[in-house]
């Protein structure tokens, strides 16, 4: 269940 977390993390952590 990490794949779903990855999506949320990508949105929560804005890349420079």
C-alpha atoms as a PDB file:
ATOM      1  CA  UNK A   1       0.000   0.000   0.000  1.00  0.00           C
ATOM      2  CA  UNK A   2       2.944   2.299  -0.590  1.00  0.00           C
ATOM      3  CA  UNK A   3       2.075   3.130  -4.193  1.00  0.00           C
ATOM      4  CA  UNK A   4      -0.954   5.115  -3.033  1.00  0.00           C
ATOM      5  CA  UNK A   5       1.192   6.876  -0.436  1.00  0.00           C
ATOM      6  CA  UNK A   6       3.696   7.819  -3.110  1.00  0.00           C
ATOM      7  CA  UNK A   7       1.004   9.750  -4.990  1.00  0.00           C
ATOM      8  CA  UNK A   8      -0.076  11.574  -1.838  1.00  0.00           C
ATOM      9  CA  UNK A   9       3.543  12.294  -0.933  1.00  0.00           C
ATOM     10  CA  UNK A  10       4.257  13.683  -4.388  1.00  0.00           C
ATOM     11  CA  UNK A  11       1.408  16.161  -3.920  1.00  0.00           C
ATOM     12  CA  UNK A  12       2.282  16.938  -0.292  1.00  0.00           C
ATOM     13  CA  UNK A  13       5.992  17.410  -1.088  1.00  0.00           C
ATOM     14  CA  UNK A  14       6.258  19.965  -3.921  1.00  0.00           C
ATOM     15  CA  UNK A  15       9.395  19.361  -5.951  1.00  0.00           C
ATOM     16  CA  UNK A  16      11.581  22.410  -6.675  1.00  0.00           C
END
